[in-house]
PDB file of N, CA and C in Angstrom:
ATOM      1  N   MET A   1      19.556   1.358   4.201  1.00  0.00           N
ATOM      2  CA  MET A   1      18.485   1.006   3.283  1.00  0.00           C
ATOM      3  C   MET A   1      17.503   0.088   3.932  1.00  0.00           C
ATOM      4  N   ILE A   2      16.251   0.372   3.916  1.00  0.00           N
ATOM      5  CA  ILE A   2      15.200  -0.444   4.475  1.00  0.00           C
ATOM      6  C   ILE A   2      15.079  -1.748   3.649  1.00  0.00           C
ATOM      7  N   GLY A   3      14.956  -2.856   4.357  1.00  0.00           N
ATOM      8  CA  GLY A   3      14.739  -4.127   3.659  1.00  0.00           C
ATOM      9  C   GLY A   3      16.011  -4.793   3.164  1.00  0.00           C
ATOM     10  N   MET A   4      17.164  -4.511   3.786  1.00  0.00           N
ATOM     11  CA  MET A   4      18.401  -5.047   3.217  1.00  0.00           C
ATOM     12  C   MET A   4      18.888  -6.291   3.954  1.00  0.00           C
ATOM     13  N   TYR A   5      18.360  -6.653   5.017  1.00  0.00           N
ATOM     14  CA  TYR A   5      18.810  -7.842   5.761  1.00  0.00           C
ATOM     15  C   TYR A   5      17.897  -9.029   5.469  1.00  0.00           C
ATOM     16  N   GLU A   6      18.462 -10.089   4.997  1.00  0.00           N
ATOM     17  CA  GLU A   6      17.632 -11.272   4.607  1.00  0.00           C
ATOM     18  C   GLU A   6      17.084 -12.034   5.818  1.00  0.00           C
ATOM     19  N   ASP A   7      17.744 -11.921   6.949  1.00  0.00           N
ATOM     20  CA  ASP A   7      17.274 -12.630   8.151  1.00  0.00           C
ATOM     21  C   ASP A   7      16.114 -11.973   8.904  1.00  0.00           C
ATOM     22  N   TYR A   8      15.674 -10.838   8.435  1.00  0.00           N
ATOM     23  CA  TYR A   8      14.587 -10.129   9.105  1.00  0.00           C
ATOM     24  C   TYR A   8      13.385 -10.131   8.109  1.00  0.00           C
ATOM     25  N   ASN A   9      12.180 -10.351   8.629  1.00  0.00           N
ATOM     26  CA  ASN A   9      11.008 -10.369   7.769  1.00  0.00           C
ATOM     27  C   ASN A   9      10.407  -8.990   7.541  1.00  0.00           C
ATOM     28  N   TYR A  10      10.970  -8.285   6.547  1.00  0.00           N
ATOM     29  CA  TYR A  10      10.502  -6.958   6.234  1.00  0.00           C
ATOM     30  C   TYR A  10       9.147  -6.956   5.577  1.00  0.00           C
ATOM     31  N   HIS A  11       8.789  -8.084   4.926  1.00  0.00           N
ATOM     32  CA  HIS A  11       7.478  -8.203   4.324  1.00  0.00           C
ATOM     33  C   HIS A  11       6.341  -7.902   5.345  1.00  0.00           C
ATOM     34  N   ASP A  12       6.438  -8.522   6.492  1.00  0.00           N
ATOM     35  CA  ASP A  12       5.450  -8.270   7.579  1.00  0.00           C
ATOM     36  C   ASP A  12       5.505  -6.838   8.120  1.00  0.00           C
ATOM     37  N   MET A  13       6.689  -6.358   8.235  1.00  0.00           N
ATOM     38  CA  MET A  13       6.871  -4.938   8.745  1.00  0.00           C
ATOM     39  C   MET A  13       6.210  -3.953   7.845  1.00  0.00           C
ATOM     40  N   PHE A  14       6.450  -4.074   6.520  1.00  0.00           N
ATOM     41  CA  PHE A  14       5.861  -3.182   5.538  1.00  0.00           C
ATOM     42  C   PHE A  14       4.305  -3.309   5.511  1.00  0.00           C
ATOM     43  N   LYS A  15       3.841  -4.560   5.593  1.00  0.00           N
ATOM     44  CA  LYS A  15       2.414  -4.780   5.630  1.00  0.00           C
ATOM     45  C   LYS A  15       1.749  -4.133   6.904  1.00  0.00           C
ATOM     46  N   GLU A  16       2.412  -4.314   8.050  1.00  0.00           N
ATOM     47  CA  GLU A  16       1.899  -3.732   9.265  1.00  0.00           C
ATOM     48  C   GLU A  16       1.883  -2.171   9.197  1.00  0.00           C
ATOM     49  N   TYR A  17       2.949  -1.591   8.656  1.00  0.00           N
ATOM     50  CA  TYR A  17       3.020  -0.161   8.562  1.00  0.00           C
ATOM     51  C   TYR A  17       1.906   0.396   7.580  1.00  0.00           C
ATOM     52  N   ALA A  18       1.694  -0.333   6.479  1.00  0.00           N
ATOM     53  CA  ALA A  18       0.641   0.045   5.594  1.00  0.00           C
ATOM     54  C   ALA A  18      -0.728   0.014   6.281  1.00  0.00           C
ATOM     55  N   GLU A  19      -0.944  -1.017   7.061  1.00  0.00           N
ATOM     56  CA  GLU A  19      -2.185  -1.139   7.849  1.00  0.00           C
ATOM     57  C   GLU A  19      -2.368  -0.004   8.836  1.00  0.00           C
ATOM     58  N   ILE A  20      -1.370   0.317   9.554  1.00  0.00           N
ATOM     59  CA  ILE A  20      -1.397   1.359  10.590  1.00  0.00           C
ATOM     60  C   ILE A  20      -1.788   2.705   9.938  1.00  0.00           C
ATOM     61  N   ILE A  21      -1.122   3.081   8.900  1.00  0.00           N
ATOM     62  CA  ILE A  21      -1.354   4.377   8.273  1.00  0.00           C
ATOM     63  C   ILE A  21      -2.645   4.473   7.427  1.00  0.00           C
ATOM     64  N   SER A  22      -2.887   3.417   6.610  1.00  0.00           N
ATOM     65  CA  SER A  22      -3.980   3.558   5.632  1.00  0.00           C
ATOM     66  C   SER A  22      -5.112   2.596   5.880  1.00  0.00           C
ATOM     67  N   GLY A  23      -4.991   1.726   6.849  1.00  0.00           N
ATOM     68  CA  GLY A  23      -6.029   0.666   7.110  1.00  0.00           C
ATOM     69  C   GLY A  23      -7.416   1.245   7.321  1.00  0.00           C
ATOM     70  N   LYS A  24      -7.563   2.357   8.067  1.00  0.00           N
ATOM     71  CA  LYS A  24      -8.868   2.947   8.373  1.00  0.00           C
ATOM     72  C   LYS A  24      -9.500   3.434   7.020  1.00  0.00           C
ATOM     73  N   TRP A  25      -8.703   4.089   6.152  1.00  0.00           N
ATOM     74  CA  TRP A  25      -9.242   4.580   4.899  1.00  0.00           C
ATOM     75  C   TRP A  25      -9.710   3.448   4.076  1.00  0.00           C
ATOM     76  N   PHE A  26      -8.921   2.357   3.960  1.00  0.00           N
ATOM     77  CA  PHE A  26      -9.346   1.207   3.164  1.00  0.00           C
ATOM     78  C   PHE A  26     -10.581   0.525   3.702  1.00  0.00           C
ATOM     79  N   GLU A  27     -10.700   0.468   5.035  1.00  0.00           N
ATOM     80  CA  GLU A  27     -11.817  -0.150   5.700  1.00  0.00           C
ATOM     81  C   GLU A  27     -13.071   0.677   5.412  1.00  0.00           C
ATOM     82  N   GLU A  28     -12.984   2.008   5.501  1.00  0.00           N
ATOM     83  CA  GLU A  28     -14.104   2.859   5.224  1.00  0.00           C
ATOM     84  C   GLU A  28     -14.626   2.696   3.763  1.00  0.00           C
ATOM     85  N   ASN A  29     -13.689   2.345   2.878  1.00  0.00           N
ATOM     86  CA  ASN A  29     -14.014   2.215   1.429  1.00  0.00           C
ATOM     87  C   ASN A  29     -14.222   0.750   1.043  1.00  0.00           C
ATOM     88  N   HIS A  30     -14.348  -0.114   2.019  1.00  0.00           N
ATOM     89  CA  HIS A  30     -14.657  -1.556   1.867  1.00  0.00           C
ATOM     90  C   HIS A  30     -13.620  -2.245   0.945  1.00  0.00           C
ATOM     91  N   LEU A  31     -12.322  -1.956   1.175  1.00  0.00           N
ATOM     92  CA  LEU A  31     -11.251  -2.573   0.444  1.00  0.00           C
ATOM     93  C   LEU A  31     -10.255  -3.222   1.354  1.00  0.00           C
ATOM     94  N   GLU A  32      -9.630  -4.295   0.894  1.00  0.00           N
ATOM     95  CA  GLU A  32      -8.643  -5.005   1.622  1.00  0.00           C
ATOM     96  C   GLU A  32      -7.294  -4.690   1.128  1.00  0.00           C
ATOM     97  N   ILE A  33      -6.320  -4.388   1.971  1.00  0.00           N
ATOM     98  CA  ILE A  33      -4.974  -4.068   1.491  1.00  0.00           C
ATOM     99  C   ILE A  33      -4.324  -5.356   0.947  1.00  0.00           C
ATOM    100  N   VAL A  34      -3.826  -5.278  -0.278  1.00  0.00           N
ATOM    101  CA  VAL A  34      -3.291  -6.501  -0.920  1.00  0.00           C
ATOM    102  C   VAL A  34      -1.832  -6.355  -1.317  1.00  0.00           C
ATOM    103  N   GLY A  35      -1.248  -5.196  -1.196  1.00  0.00           N
ATOM    104  CA  GLY A  35       0.160  -5.014  -1.556  1.00  0.00           C
ATOM    105  C   GLY A  35       0.610  -3.595  -1.291  1.00  0.00           C
ATOM    106  N   ALA A  36       1.995  -3.490  -1.196  1.00  0.00           N
ATOM    107  CA  ALA A  36       2.601  -2.165  -1.023  1.00  0.00           C
ATOM    108  C   ALA A  36       3.966  -2.115  -1.617  1.00  0.00           C
ATOM    109  N   LYS A  37       4.391  -0.970  -1.991  1.00  0.00           N
ATOM    110  CA  LYS A  37       5.728  -0.794  -2.612  1.00  0.00           C
ATOM    111  C   LYS A  37       6.296   0.510  -2.159  1.00  0.00           C
ATOM    112  N   ILE A  38       7.584   0.550  -1.740  1.00  0.00           N
ATOM    113  CA  ILE A  38       8.260   1.750  -1.327  1.00  0.00           C
ATOM    114  C   ILE A  38       9.121   2.256  -2.517  1.00  0.00           C
ATOM    115  N   VAL A  39       8.939   3.530  -2.815  1.00  0.00           N
ATOM    116  CA  VAL A  39       9.712   4.196  -3.805  1.00  0.00           C
ATOM    117  C   VAL A  39      10.152   5.505  -3.260  1.00  0.00           C
ATOM    118  N   GLY A  40      11.450   5.682  -3.044  1.00  0.00           N
ATOM    119  CA  GLY A  40      11.956   6.919  -2.459  1.00  0.00           C
ATOM    120  C   GLY A  40      11.414   7.097  -1.065  1.00  0.00           C
ATOM    121  N   ASN A  41      10.785   8.252  -0.752  1.00  0.00           N
ATOM    122  CA  ASN A  41      10.269   8.530   0.533  1.00  0.00           C
ATOM    123  C   ASN A  41       8.767   8.264   0.607  1.00  0.00           C
ATOM    124  N   TYR A  42       8.255   7.473  -0.260  1.00  0.00           N
ATOM    125  CA  TYR A  42       6.818   7.182  -0.336  1.00  0.00           C
ATOM    126  C   TYR A  42       6.519   5.685  -0.372  1.00  0.00           C
ATOM    127  N   MET A  43       5.388   5.323   0.239  1.00  0.00           N
ATOM    128  CA  MET A  43       4.924   3.942   0.117  1.00  0.00           C
ATOM    129  C   MET A  43       3.564   4.029  -0.599  1.00  0.00           C
ATOM    130  N   TYR A  44       3.424   3.220  -1.650  1.00  0.00           N
ATOM    131  CA  TYR A  44       2.204   3.098  -2.400  1.00  0.00           C
ATOM    132  C   TYR A  44       1.507   1.836  -1.911  1.00  0.00           C
ATOM    133  N   VAL A  45       0.229   1.936  -1.537  1.00  0.00           N
ATOM    134  CA  VAL A  45      -0.500   0.838  -0.968  1.00  0.00           C
ATOM    135  C   VAL A  45      -1.689   0.536  -1.899  1.00  0.00           C
ATOM    136  N   LYS A  46      -1.900  -0.738  -2.232  1.00  0.00           N
ATOM    137  CA  LYS A  46      -3.023  -1.126  -3.106  1.00  0.00           C
ATOM    138  C   LYS A  46      -4.128  -1.775  -2.240  1.00  0.00           C
ATOM    139  N   GLY A  47      -5.359  -1.369  -2.521  1.00  0.00           N
ATOM    140  CA  GLY A  47      -6.527  -2.029  -1.901  1.00  0.00           C
ATOM    141  C   GLY A  47      -7.401  -2.592  -2.952  1.00  0.00           C
ATOM    142  N   TYR A  48      -8.141  -3.706  -2.621  1.00  0.00           N
ATOM    143  CA  TYR A  48      -8.953  -4.397  -3.601  1.00  0.00           C
ATOM    144  C   TYR A  48     -10.123  -5.046  -2.855  1.00  0.00           C
ATOM    145  N   ASP A  49     -11.286  -5.123  -3.528  1.00  0.00           N
ATOM    146  CA  ASP A  49     -12.449  -5.719  -2.857  1.00  0.00           C
ATOM    147  C   ASP A  49     -12.804  -7.146  -3.328  1.00  0.00           C
ATOM    148  N   GLY A  50     -12.347  -7.524  -4.528  1.00  0.00           N
ATOM    149  CA  GLY A  50     -12.603  -8.889  -5.021  1.00  0.00           C
ATOM    150  C   GLY A  50     -14.017  -9.160  -5.463  1.00  0.00           C
ATOM    151  N   GLY A  51     -14.871  -8.163  -5.446  1.00  0.00           N
ATOM    152  CA  GLY A  51     -16.284  -8.389  -5.882  1.00  0.00           C
ATOM    153  C   GLY A  51     -16.364  -8.338  -7.402  1.00  0.00           C
ATOM    154  N   PHE A  52     -17.664  -8.392  -7.821  1.00  0.00           N
ATOM    155  CA  PHE A  52     -17.942  -8.184  -9.270  1.00  0.00           C
ATOM    156  C   PHE A  52     -19.051  -7.163  -9.415  1.00  0.00           C
ATOM    157  N   PRO A  53     -18.800  -6.097 -10.089  1.00  0.00           N
ATOM    158  CA  PRO A  53     -17.521  -5.719 -10.612  1.00  0.00           C
ATOM    159  C   PRO A  53     -16.576  -5.304  -9.463  1.00  0.00           C
ATOM    160  N   HIS A  54     -15.321  -5.547  -9.631  1.00  0.00           N
ATOM    161  CA  HIS A  54     -14.345  -5.303  -8.580  1.00  0.00           C
ATOM    162  C   HIS A  54     -14.003  -3.846  -8.471  1.00  0.00           C
ATOM    163  N   ALA A  55     -13.520  -3.446  -7.337  1.00  0.00           N
ATOM    164  CA  ALA A  55     -13.020  -2.082  -7.102  1.00  0.00           C
ATOM    165  C   ALA A  55     -11.639  -2.167  -6.573  1.00  0.00           C
ATOM    166  N   SER A  56     -10.826  -1.196  -6.931  1.00  0.00           N
ATOM    167  CA  SER A  56      -9.445  -1.101  -6.356  1.00  0.00           C
ATOM    168  C   SER A  56      -9.132   0.369  -6.253  1.00  0.00           C
ATOM    169  N   ALA A  57      -8.189   0.637  -5.361  1.00  0.00           N
ATOM    170  CA  ALA A  57      -7.702   1.986  -5.116  1.00  0.00           C
ATOM    171  C   ALA A  57      -6.251   1.940  -4.550  1.00  0.00           C
ATOM    172  N   TYR A  58      -5.595   3.044  -4.690  1.00  0.00           N
ATOM    173  CA  TYR A  58      -4.219   3.133  -4.202  1.00  0.00           C
ATOM    174  C   TYR A  58      -4.079   4.353  -3.353  1.00  0.00           C
ATOM    175  N   VAL A  59      -3.204   4.271  -2.336  1.00  0.00           N
ATOM    176  CA  VAL A  59      -2.876   5.528  -1.592  1.00  0.00           C
ATOM    177  C   VAL A  59      -1.350   5.705  -1.640  1.00  0.00           C
ATOM    178  N   LYS A  60      -0.983   6.946  -1.494  1.00  0.00           N
ATOM    179  CA  LYS A  60       0.467   7.268  -1.438  1.00  0.00           C
ATOM    180  C   LYS A  60       0.675   7.816  -0.041  1.00  0.00           C
ATOM    181  N   ILE A  61       1.629   7.172   0.679  1.00  0.00           N
ATOM    182  CA  ILE A  61       1.977   7.548   2.066  1.00  0.00           C
ATOM    183  C   ILE A  61       3.313   8.211   2.051  1.00  0.00           C
ATOM    184  N   ASP A  62       3.460   9.374   2.704  1.00  0.00           N
ATOM    185  CA  ASP A  62       4.713  10.033   2.921  1.00  0.00           C
ATOM    186  C   ASP A  62       5.344   9.369   4.140  1.00  0.00           C
ATOM    187  N   LEU A  63       6.504   8.704   3.946  1.00  0.00           N
ATOM    188  CA  LEU A  63       7.134   7.957   5.023  1.00  0.00           C
ATOM    189  C   LEU A  63       7.719   8.874   6.142  1.00  0.00           C
ATOM    190  N   LYS A  64       8.075  10.109   5.773  1.00  0.00           N
ATOM    191  CA  LYS A  64       8.621  11.013   6.748  1.00  0.00           C
ATOM    192  C   LYS A  64       7.542  11.593   7.623  1.00  0.00           C
ATOM    193  N   GLU A  65       6.392  11.793   7.064  1.00  0.00           N
ATOM    194  CA  GLU A  65       5.271  12.390   7.796  1.00  0.00           C
ATOM    195  C   GLU A  65       4.270  11.336   8.343  1.00  0.00           C
ATOM    196  N   SER A  66       4.403  10.131   7.825  1.00  0.00           N
ATOM    197  CA  SER A  66       3.513   9.031   8.239  1.00  0.00           C
ATOM    198  C   SER A  66       2.068   9.380   7.986  1.00  0.00           C
ATOM    199  N   LYS A  67       1.746   9.903   6.835  1.00  0.00           N
ATOM    200  CA  LYS A  67       0.382  10.240   6.476  1.00  0.00           C
ATOM    201  C   LYS A  67       0.124  10.016   5.008  1.00  0.00           C
ATOM    202  N   ILE A  68      -1.154   9.900   4.639  1.00  0.00           N
ATOM    203  CA  ILE A  68      -1.545   9.721   3.261  1.00  0.00           C
ATOM    204  C   ILE A  68      -1.504  11.109   2.587  1.00  0.00           C
ATOM    205  N   VAL A  69      -0.838  11.148   1.458  1.00  0.00           N
ATOM    206  CA  VAL A  69      -0.737  12.409   0.721  1.00  0.00           C
ATOM    207  C   VAL A  69      -1.445  12.428  -0.607  1.00  0.00           C
ATOM    208  N   ASN A  70      -1.828  11.260  -1.126  1.00  0.00           N
ATOM    209  CA  ASN A  70      -2.494  11.212  -2.400  1.00  0.00           C
ATOM    210  C   ASN A  70      -3.323   9.955  -2.473  1.00  0.00           C
ATOM    211  N   TYR A  71      -4.359   9.964  -3.383  1.00  0.00           N
ATOM    212  CA  TYR A  71      -5.261   8.845  -3.593  1.00  0.00           C
ATOM    213  C   TYR A  71      -5.288   8.602  -5.127  1.00  0.00           C
ATOM    214  N   TYR A  72      -5.383   7.322  -5.542  1.00  0.00           N
ATOM    215  CA  TYR A  72      -5.507   7.013  -6.967  1.00  0.00           C
ATOM    216  C   TYR A  72      -6.633   5.975  -7.092  1.00  0.00           C
ATOM    217  N   ASN A  73      -7.550   6.177  -8.070  1.00  0.00           N
ATOM    218  CA  ASN A  73      -8.702   5.259  -8.254  1.00  0.00           C
ATOM    219  C   ASN A  73      -8.345   4.040  -9.079  1.00  0.00           C
ATOM    220  N   THR A  74      -7.403   4.116  -9.966  1.00  0.00           N
ATOM    221  CA  THR A  74      -7.111   3.000 -10.800  1.00  0.00           C
ATOM    222  C   THR A  74      -5.559   2.798 -10.905  1.00  0.00           C
ATOM    223  N   GLN A  75      -5.174   1.631 -11.399  1.00  0.00           N
ATOM    224  CA  GLN A  75      -3.754   1.329 -11.573  1.00  0.00           C
ATOM    225  C   GLN A  75      -3.127   2.267 -12.610  1.00  0.00           C
ATOM    226  N   TYR A  76      -4.018   2.817 -13.531  1.00  0.00           N
ATOM    227  CA  TYR A  76      -3.480   3.649 -14.596  1.00  0.00           C
ATOM    228  C   TYR A  76      -3.131   5.046 -14.040  1.00  0.00           C
ATOM    229  N   GLU A  77      -3.803   5.458 -12.947  1.00  0.00           N
ATOM    230  CA  GLU A  77      -3.457   6.731 -12.354  1.00  0.00           C
ATOM    231  C   GLU A  77      -2.232   6.672 -11.412  1.00  0.00           C
ATOM    232  N   CYS A  78      -2.003   5.473 -10.790  1.00  0.00           N
ATOM    233  CA  CYS A  78      -0.997   5.330  -9.820  1.00  0.00           C
ATOM    234  C   CYS A  78       0.396   5.207 -10.641  1.00  0.00           C
ATOM    235  N   PRO A  79       1.393   6.004 -10.290  1.00  0.00           N
ATOM    236  CA  PRO A  79       2.646   6.005 -11.020  1.00  0.00           C
ATOM    237  C   PRO A  79       3.541   4.777 -10.755  1.00  0.00           C
ATOM    238  N   VAL A  80       3.102   3.914  -9.829  1.00  0.00           N
ATOM    239  CA  VAL A  80       3.967   2.743  -9.476  1.00  0.00           C
ATOM    240  C   VAL A  80       3.130   1.491  -9.547  1.00  0.00           C
ATOM    241  N   GLU A  81       3.716   0.397 -10.094  1.00  0.00           N
ATOM    242  CA  GLU A  81       3.023  -0.888 -10.107  1.00  0.00           C
ATOM    243  C   GLU A  81       3.148  -1.556  -8.748  1.00  0.00           C
ATOM    244  N   VAL A  82       1.993  -1.833  -8.083  1.00  0.00           N
ATOM    245  CA  VAL A  82       1.937  -2.559  -6.827  1.00  0.00           C
ATOM    246  C   VAL A  82       1.378  -3.898  -7.104  1.00  0.00           C
ATOM    247  N   LYS A  83       2.147  -4.930  -6.827  1.00  0.00           N
ATOM    248  CA  LYS A  83       1.722  -6.308  -7.107  1.00  0.00           C
ATOM    249  C   LYS A  83       0.945  -6.876  -5.915  1.00  0.00           C
ATOM    250  N   ASP A  84      -0.094  -7.655  -6.237  1.00  0.00           N
ATOM    251  CA  ASP A  84      -0.882  -8.302  -5.182  1.00  0.00           C
ATOM    252  C   ASP A  84       0.041  -9.301  -4.361  1.00  0.00           C
ATOM    253  N   GLY A  85      -0.138  -9.247  -3.033  1.00  0.00           N
ATOM    254  CA  GLY A  85       0.647 -10.119  -2.173  1.00  0.00           C
ATOM    255  C   GLY A  85       2.088  -9.791  -1.910  1.00  0.00           C
ATOM    256  N   VAL A  86       2.532  -8.673  -2.491  1.00  0.00           N
ATOM    257  CA  VAL A  86       3.947  -8.285  -2.378  1.00  0.00           C
ATOM    258  C   VAL A  86       4.042  -6.987  -1.549  1.00  0.00           C
ATOM    259  N   TYR A  87       4.847  -7.027  -0.544  1.00  0.00           N
ATOM    260  CA  TYR A  87       5.130  -5.813   0.306  1.00  0.00           C
ATOM    261  C   TYR A  87       6.621  -5.593   0.239  1.00  0.00           C
ATOM    262  N   GLU A  88       7.031  -4.602  -0.541  1.00  0.00           N
ATOM    263  CA  GLU A  88       8.489  -4.387  -0.707  1.00  0.00           C
ATOM    264  C   GLU A  88       8.843  -2.892  -0.612  1.00  0.00           C
TER     265      GLU A  88
END
């Protein structure tokens, strides 16, 4: 199970993985990655711009293929709650 050892900083590892796979897409859309959550074989990554009016988006990454497989425009479309500042 990924993330099961307390002495290893998985928070940074998940954040780095999210950046590697989806960072370019978020950069092109002027969003900053603010959180990620792994569910099954997928990682859901949240991006946010902090402006007014603010914009946010989510991507779904297939962990086996290491590629983006879906995009969501709002938290209501994304099937998983991704909390700001949390990489789990």
